[in-house]
Amino acid sequence: MKHFFSATIVLSLACGGMPWQSSPLAAGESGIKMVVEGKGEIIIKFYGKEAPEASKRILKLAKDGFYDAQTFFKVVKSPRPFLVQFGDPNSKSKPADDPSLGTYASGTKIAYENSGFKHVRGAVGLARLPENRNTGDTQFYIMLDSAPFLDGQYTVFGNVVKGMDVVDKISQGDKVTTVSAIEN
C-alpha cells in the first residue's frame, strides 16, 4: 500500500496536482487560469459546445502566451458594477487610460454565437466592434453584474468558476502575469 500511495503522489505531481485536489472544471471541459498580479487567480470555464469558435480562439491565444503581461484596460464599476475588459496586447506598453486601448484587432473575426447564456454576474463575453456582432477577436470581458441589454448582442462563451472575489478587486491597469489554458 505504501508503494501505491507514493506512486500515486508522484504521478499526480507530474500531472500538476495532488490526488485530493480537484479542478473546478470537469472532465472534457476547457478554460483558462488568469493570474492577476497582487490579487490572485481567476479560473474561467468555457462553453465549448455552445460557443465553440470563441472558446477555441481564446484557448489558442492563451496557449500561445498572447495574454501574458497584459493589463485590464477597461473597468466600469460606477455608477454601478458593470464589467472588466481584457485582451488588447497594446495594454502591455500603453498606459491603462490610453483611449486607443480596446481598438486592437488581429484581423481574425469570430462570428456571433448564440450560446444561450445570459450576461449575468461572472459571465465572460467576447468583445467586438460596436457596429458588427460578427467581429470578435482577442478581447473579452467579465460581468460584475447582470446586463440583460447585452444578451443576443455579444457571445457569452464562459463563466468564472473560481476567483470572482479577485475580479471584484480589479482596477484599471491591473496586470495579468500569465494566462494558461486548462483542458481536462
C-alpha atoms as a PDB file:
ATOM      1  CA  MET A   1       0.000   0.000   0.000  1.00  0.00           C
ATOM      2  CA  LYS A   2       2.845   2.366   0.791  1.00  0.00           C
ATOM      3  CA  HIS A   3       4.262   1.975  -2.714  1.00  0.00           C
ATOM      4  CA  PHE A   4       0.868   2.548  -4.333  1.00  0.00           C
ATOM      5  CA  PHE A   5       0.327   5.780  -2.387  1.00  0.00           C
ATOM      6  CA  SER A   6       3.834   7.035  -3.235  1.00  0.00           C
ATOM      7  CA  ALA A   7       3.368   6.210  -6.915  1.00  0.00           C
ATOM      8  CA  THR A   8       0.001   7.977  -6.882  1.00  0.00           C
ATOM      9  CA  ILE A   9       1.536  11.116  -5.402  1.00  0.00           C
ATOM     10  CA  VAL A  10       4.434  11.082  -7.876  1.00  0.00           C
ATOM     11  CA  LEU A  11       2.065  10.605 -10.816  1.00  0.00           C
ATOM     12  CA  SER A  12      -0.270  13.271  -9.506  1.00  0.00           C
ATOM     13  CA  LEU A  13       2.555  15.766  -9.025  1.00  0.00           C
ATOM     14  CA  ALA A  14       3.775  15.047 -12.537  1.00  0.00           C
ATOM     15  CA  CYS A  15       0.279  15.847 -13.797  1.00  0.00           C
ATOM     16  CA  GLY A  16       0.069  19.111 -11.860  1.00  0.00           C
ATOM     17  CA  GLY A  17      -1.629  18.424  -8.550  1.00  0.00           C
ATOM     18  CA  MET A  18      -2.209  16.241  -5.543  1.00  0.00           C
ATOM     19  CA  PRO A  19      -4.790  13.468  -5.601  1.00  0.00           C
ATOM     20  CA  TRP A  20      -7.069  15.255  -3.135  1.00  0.00           C
ATOM     21  CA  GLN A  21      -7.084  18.498  -5.115  1.00  0.00           C
ATOM     22  CA  SER A  22      -9.998  18.854  -7.505  1.00  0.00           C
ATOM     23  CA  SER A  23     -10.235  21.023 -10.581  1.00  0.00           C
ATOM     24  CA  PRO A  24     -13.138  23.444 -10.870  1.00  0.00           C
ATOM     25  CA  LEU A  25     -13.508  22.061 -14.405  1.00  0.00           C
ATOM     26  CA  ALA A  26     -14.973  18.619 -15.057  1.00  0.00           C
ATOM     27  CA  ALA A  27     -13.549  16.031 -17.421  1.00  0.00           C
ATOM     28  CA  GLY A  28     -13.889  17.195 -21.016  1.00  0.00           C
ATOM     29  CA  GLU A  29     -14.173  20.881 -20.089  1.00  0.00           C
ATOM     30  CA  SER A  30     -11.705  23.601 -21.015  1.00  0.00           C
ATOM     31  CA  GLY A  31     -10.965  27.112 -19.882  1.00  0.00           C
ATOM     32  CA  ILE A  32      -8.208  29.406 -18.704  1.00  0.00           C
ATOM     33  CA  LYS A  33      -6.464  30.401 -15.499  1.00  0.00           C
ATOM     34  CA  MET A  34      -5.529  34.066 -15.160  1.00  0.00           C
ATOM     35  CA  VAL A  35      -3.029  35.174 -12.523  1.00  0.00           C
ATOM     36  CA  VAL A  36      -3.643  38.821 -11.592  1.00  0.00           C
ATOM     37  CA  GLU A  37      -0.554  40.383 -10.026  1.00  0.00           C
ATOM     38  CA  GLY A  38      -1.043  41.031  -6.318  1.00  0.00           C
ATOM     39  CA  LYS A  39      -4.698  39.942  -6.391  1.00  0.00           C
ATOM     40  CA  GLY A  40      -4.974  36.198  -7.095  1.00  0.00           C
ATOM     41  CA  GLU A  41      -6.234  33.681  -9.630  1.00  0.00           C
ATOM     42  CA  ILE A  42      -9.324  33.614 -11.809  1.00  0.00           C
ATOM     43  CA  ILE A  43     -10.494  30.398 -13.447  1.00  0.00           C
ATOM     44  CA  ILE A  44     -12.888  30.655 -16.374  1.00  0.00           C
ATOM     45  CA  LYS A  45     -14.797  27.667 -17.719  1.00  0.00           C
ATOM     46  CA  PHE A  46     -15.586  27.779 -21.441  1.00  0.00           C
ATOM     47  CA  TYR A  47     -18.866  26.784 -23.064  1.00  0.00           C
ATOM     48  CA  GLY A  48     -17.103  24.771 -25.749  1.00  0.00           C
ATOM     49  CA  LYS A  49     -20.240  23.134 -27.154  1.00  0.00           C
ATOM     50  CA  GLU A  50     -22.398  26.247 -27.140  1.00  0.00           C
ATOM     51  CA  ALA A  51     -19.710  28.735 -28.293  1.00  0.00           C
ATOM     52  CA  PRO A  52     -17.048  26.591 -29.990  1.00  0.00           C
ATOM     53  CA  GLU A  53     -15.345  29.231 -32.135  1.00  0.00           C
ATOM     54  CA  ALA A  54     -14.968  31.829 -29.374  1.00  0.00           C
ATOM     55  CA  SER A  55     -13.769  29.148 -26.943  1.00  0.00           C
ATOM     56  CA  LYS A  56     -11.192  27.780 -29.421  1.00  0.00           C
ATOM     57  CA  ARG A  57      -9.921  31.280 -30.236  1.00  0.00           C
ATOM     58  CA  ILE A  58      -9.323  32.349 -26.619  1.00  0.00           C
ATOM     59  CA  LEU A  59      -7.859  28.942 -25.694  1.00  0.00           C
ATOM     60  CA  LYS A  60      -5.381  29.122 -28.606  1.00  0.00           C
ATOM     61  CA  LEU A  61      -4.318  32.644 -27.675  1.00  0.00           C
ATOM     62  CA  ALA A  62      -3.756  31.530 -24.064  1.00  0.00           C
ATOM     63  CA  LYS A  63      -1.632  28.581 -25.239  1.00  0.00           C
ATOM     64  CA  ASP A  64       0.415  30.937 -27.427  1.00  0.00           C
ATOM     65  CA  GLY A  65       1.159  33.256 -24.469  1.00  0.00           C
ATOM     66  CA  PHE A  66      -0.681  36.114 -26.189  1.00  0.00           C
ATOM     67  CA  TYR A  67      -2.319  37.346 -22.965  1.00  0.00           C
ATOM     68  CA  ASP A  68       0.728  37.199 -20.678  1.00  0.00           C
ATOM     69  CA  ALA A  69       1.697  40.610 -19.182  1.00  0.00           C
ATOM     70  CA  GLN A  70      -1.404  42.411 -20.499  1.00  0.00           C
ATOM     71  CA  THR A  71      -3.486  44.685 -18.270  1.00  0.00           C
ATOM     72  CA  PHE A  72      -7.155  45.265 -17.641  1.00  0.00           C
ATOM     73  CA  PHE A  73      -7.728  48.435 -19.643  1.00  0.00           C
ATOM     74  CA  LYS A  74     -11.447  48.897 -19.040  1.00  0.00           C
ATOM     75  CA  VAL A  75     -13.060  48.652 -15.612  1.00  0.00           C
ATOM     76  CA  VAL A  76     -16.570  50.022 -15.150  1.00  0.00           C
ATOM     77  CA  LYS A  77     -17.825  49.975 -11.562  1.00  0.00           C
ATOM     78  CA  SER A  78     -19.703  53.265 -11.390  1.00  0.00           C
ATOM     79  CA  PRO A  79     -22.499  54.257 -11.221  1.00  0.00           C
ATOM     80  CA  ARG A  80     -22.981  50.521 -10.598  1.00  0.00           C
ATOM     81  CA  PRO A  81     -20.813  47.433 -11.188  1.00  0.00           C
ATOM     82  CA  PHE A  82     -20.745  46.550 -14.890  1.00  0.00           C
ATOM     83  CA  LEU A  83     -17.628  44.819 -16.291  1.00  0.00           C
ATOM     84  CA  VAL A  84     -13.854  44.473 -16.579  1.00  0.00           C
ATOM     85  CA  GLN A  85     -12.253  44.080 -20.024  1.00  0.00           C
ATOM     86  CA  PHE A  86      -9.006  42.476 -21.145  1.00  0.00           C
ATOM     87  CA  GLY A  87      -7.181  41.259 -24.260  1.00  0.00           C
ATOM     88  CA  ASP A  88      -5.638  44.231 -26.071  1.00  0.00           C
ATOM     89  CA  PRO A  89      -1.904  43.470 -26.473  1.00  0.00           C
ATOM     90  CA  ASN A  90      -1.165  47.204 -26.624  1.00  0.00           C
ATOM     91  CA  SER A  91      -2.002  47.287 -22.901  1.00  0.00           C
ATOM     92  CA  LYS A  92       1.491  45.852 -22.310  1.00  0.00           C
ATOM     93  CA  SER A  93       3.118  49.117 -23.383  1.00  0.00           C
ATOM     94  CA  LYS A  94       0.484  51.857 -23.183  1.00  0.00           C
ATOM     95  CA  PRO A  95      -0.966  53.431 -20.037  1.00  0.00           C
ATOM     96  CA  ALA A  96      -4.283  51.907 -18.958  1.00  0.00           C
ATOM     97  CA  ASP A  97      -6.168  55.128 -19.671  1.00  0.00           C
ATOM     98  CA  ASP A  98      -4.890  55.420 -23.269  1.00  0.00           C
ATOM     99  CA  PRO A  99      -8.032  55.938 -25.410  1.00  0.00           C
ATOM    100  CA  SER A 100      -6.678  53.645 -28.148  1.00  0.00           C
ATOM    101  CA  LEU A 101      -6.837  50.586 -25.865  1.00  0.00           C
ATOM    102  CA  GLY A 102      -9.711  48.347 -26.825  1.00  0.00           C
ATOM    103  CA  THR A 103      -9.311  49.037 -30.552  1.00  0.00           C
ATOM    104  CA  TYR A 104      -6.775  46.280 -31.352  1.00  0.00           C
ATOM    105  CA  ALA A 105      -7.808  43.722 -33.958  1.00  0.00           C
ATOM    106  CA  SER A 106      -5.624  40.918 -35.313  1.00  0.00           C
ATOM    107  CA  GLY A 107      -7.698  40.503 -38.443  1.00  0.00           C
ATOM    108  CA  THR A 108      -9.367  37.313 -37.201  1.00  0.00           C
ATOM    109  CA  LYS A 109     -13.134  37.674 -36.953  1.00  0.00           C
ATOM    110  CA  ILE A 110     -15.175  35.350 -34.781  1.00  0.00           C
ATOM    111  CA  ALA A 111     -18.857  35.439 -35.688  1.00  0.00           C
ATOM    112  CA  TYR A 112     -21.509  35.857 -33.012  1.00  0.00           C
ATOM    113  CA  GLU A 113     -22.511  32.548 -31.415  1.00  0.00           C
ATOM    114  CA  ASN A 114     -25.828  32.345 -29.583  1.00  0.00           C
ATOM    115  CA  SER A 115     -24.695  30.190 -26.668  1.00  0.00           C
ATOM    116  CA  GLY A 116     -27.976  30.650 -24.835  1.00  0.00           C
ATOM    117  CA  PHE A 117     -26.163  32.002 -21.772  1.00  0.00           C
ATOM    118  CA  LYS A 118     -27.068  35.376 -20.318  1.00  0.00           C
ATOM    119  CA  HIS A 119     -24.997  38.349 -19.236  1.00  0.00           C
ATOM    120  CA  VAL A 120     -25.118  37.663 -15.510  1.00  0.00           C
ATOM    121  CA  ARG A 121     -22.514  38.211 -12.812  1.00  0.00           C
ATOM    122  CA  GLY A 122     -19.423  36.160 -13.712  1.00  0.00           C
ATOM    123  CA  ALA A 123     -20.369  35.668 -17.376  1.00  0.00           C
ATOM    124  CA  VAL A 124     -17.483  36.018 -19.838  1.00  0.00           C
ATOM    125  CA  GLY A 125     -18.204  37.505 -23.248  1.00  0.00           C
ATOM    126  CA  LEU A 126     -16.306  38.126 -26.461  1.00  0.00           C
ATOM    127  CA  ALA A 127     -15.814  41.844 -27.094  1.00  0.00           C
ATOM    128  CA  ARG A 128     -16.399  43.085 -30.630  1.00  0.00           C
ATOM    129  CA  LEU A 129     -16.737  46.228 -32.727  1.00  0.00           C
ATOM    130  CA  PRO A 130     -19.851  48.237 -31.849  1.00  0.00           C
ATOM    131  CA  GLU A 131     -21.381  48.133 -35.318  1.00  0.00           C
ATOM    132  CA  ASN A 132     -20.954  44.417 -36.064  1.00  0.00           C
ATOM    133  CA  ARG A 133     -21.523  41.485 -33.698  1.00  0.00           C
ATOM    134  CA  ASN A 134     -19.501  39.213 -36.023  1.00  0.00           C
ATOM    135  CA  THR A 135     -16.160  40.883 -35.226  1.00  0.00           C
ATOM    136  CA  GLY A 136     -14.989  39.154 -32.034  1.00  0.00           C
ATOM    137  CA  ASP A 137     -11.230  38.623 -31.859  1.00  0.00           C
ATOM    138  CA  THR A 138      -8.870  38.699 -28.847  1.00  0.00           C
ATOM    139  CA  GLN A 139     -10.667  40.816 -26.260  1.00  0.00           C
ATOM    140  CA  PHE A 140     -13.123  39.593 -23.664  1.00  0.00           C
ATOM    141  CA  TYR A 141     -14.922  40.919 -20.614  1.00  0.00           C
ATOM    142  CA  ILE A 142     -16.158  39.585 -17.301  1.00  0.00           C
ATOM    143  CA  MET A 143     -19.504  40.794 -15.990  1.00  0.00           C
ATOM    144  CA  LEU A 144     -19.607  42.300 -12.498  1.00  0.00           C
ATOM    145  CA  ASP A 145     -23.423  42.298 -12.510  1.00  0.00           C
ATOM    146  CA  SER A 146     -26.324  41.353 -14.772  1.00  0.00           C
ATOM    147  CA  ALA A 147     -26.770  43.308 -18.017  1.00  0.00           C
ATOM    148  CA  PRO A 148     -29.667  41.768 -19.969  1.00  0.00           C
ATOM    149  CA  PHE A 149     -29.475  44.500 -22.630  1.00  0.00           C
ATOM    150  CA  LEU A 150     -26.267  42.779 -23.877  1.00  0.00           C
ATOM    151  CA  ASP A 151     -27.996  39.401 -24.372  1.00  0.00           C
ATOM    152  CA  GLY A 152     -28.163  38.459 -28.051  1.00  0.00           C
ATOM    153  CA  GLN A 153     -25.583  41.096 -28.953  1.00  0.00           C
ATOM    154  CA  TYR A 154     -22.347  39.516 -27.685  1.00  0.00           C
ATOM    155  CA  THR A 155     -21.224  35.891 -27.445  1.00  0.00           C
ATOM    156  CA  VAL A 156     -21.172  34.621 -23.864  1.00  0.00           C
ATOM    157  CA  PHE A 157     -18.536  31.874 -24.104  1.00  0.00           C
ATOM    158  CA  GLY A 158     -17.727  31.153 -20.465  1.00  0.00           C
ATOM    159  CA  ASN A 159     -18.111  31.956 -16.802  1.00  0.00           C
ATOM    160  CA  VAL A 160     -15.904  32.496 -13.782  1.00  0.00           C
ATOM    161  CA  VAL A 161     -15.883  29.310 -11.683  1.00  0.00           C
ATOM    162  CA  LYS A 162     -13.208  30.436  -9.227  1.00  0.00           C
ATOM    163  CA  GLY A 163     -11.902  33.858  -8.263  1.00  0.00           C
ATOM    164  CA  MET A 164     -14.909  36.144  -8.639  1.00  0.00           C
ATOM    165  CA  ASP A 165     -13.649  37.826  -5.451  1.00  0.00           C
ATOM    166  CA  VAL A 166     -10.461  38.609  -7.417  1.00  0.00           C
ATOM    167  CA  VAL A 167     -12.493  40.017 -10.327  1.00  0.00           C
ATOM    168  CA  ASP A 168     -14.316  42.313  -7.887  1.00  0.00           C
ATOM    169  CA  LYS A 169     -10.935  43.763  -6.764  1.00  0.00           C
ATOM    170  CA  ILE A 170      -9.641  44.500 -10.281  1.00  0.00           C
ATOM    171  CA  SER A 171      -8.770  48.102 -11.070  1.00  0.00           C
ATOM    172  CA  GLN A 172      -7.908  49.674 -14.399  1.00  0.00           C
ATOM    173  CA  GLY A 173      -4.250  48.923 -15.126  1.00  0.00           C
ATOM    174  CA  ASP A 174      -4.014  45.726 -13.063  1.00  0.00           C
ATOM    175  CA  LYS A 175      -1.531  43.376 -14.724  1.00  0.00           C
ATOM    176  CA  VAL A 176      -2.159  39.730 -15.565  1.00  0.00           C
ATOM    177  CA  THR A 177       1.164  37.931 -15.292  1.00  0.00           C
ATOM    178  CA  THR A 178       0.049  34.727 -17.035  1.00  0.00           C
ATOM    179  CA  VAL A 179      -2.972  33.217 -18.726  1.00  0.00           C
ATOM    180  CA  SER A 180      -2.741  29.465 -19.125  1.00  0.00           C
ATOM    181  CA  ALA A 181      -5.022  27.029 -20.908  1.00  0.00           C
ATOM    182  CA  ILE A 182      -6.848  24.339 -18.942  1.00  0.00           C
ATOM    183  CA  GLU A 183      -8.017  21.250 -20.791  1.00  0.00           C
ATOM    184  CA  ASN A 184      -9.441  18.345 -18.786  1.00  0.00           C
END
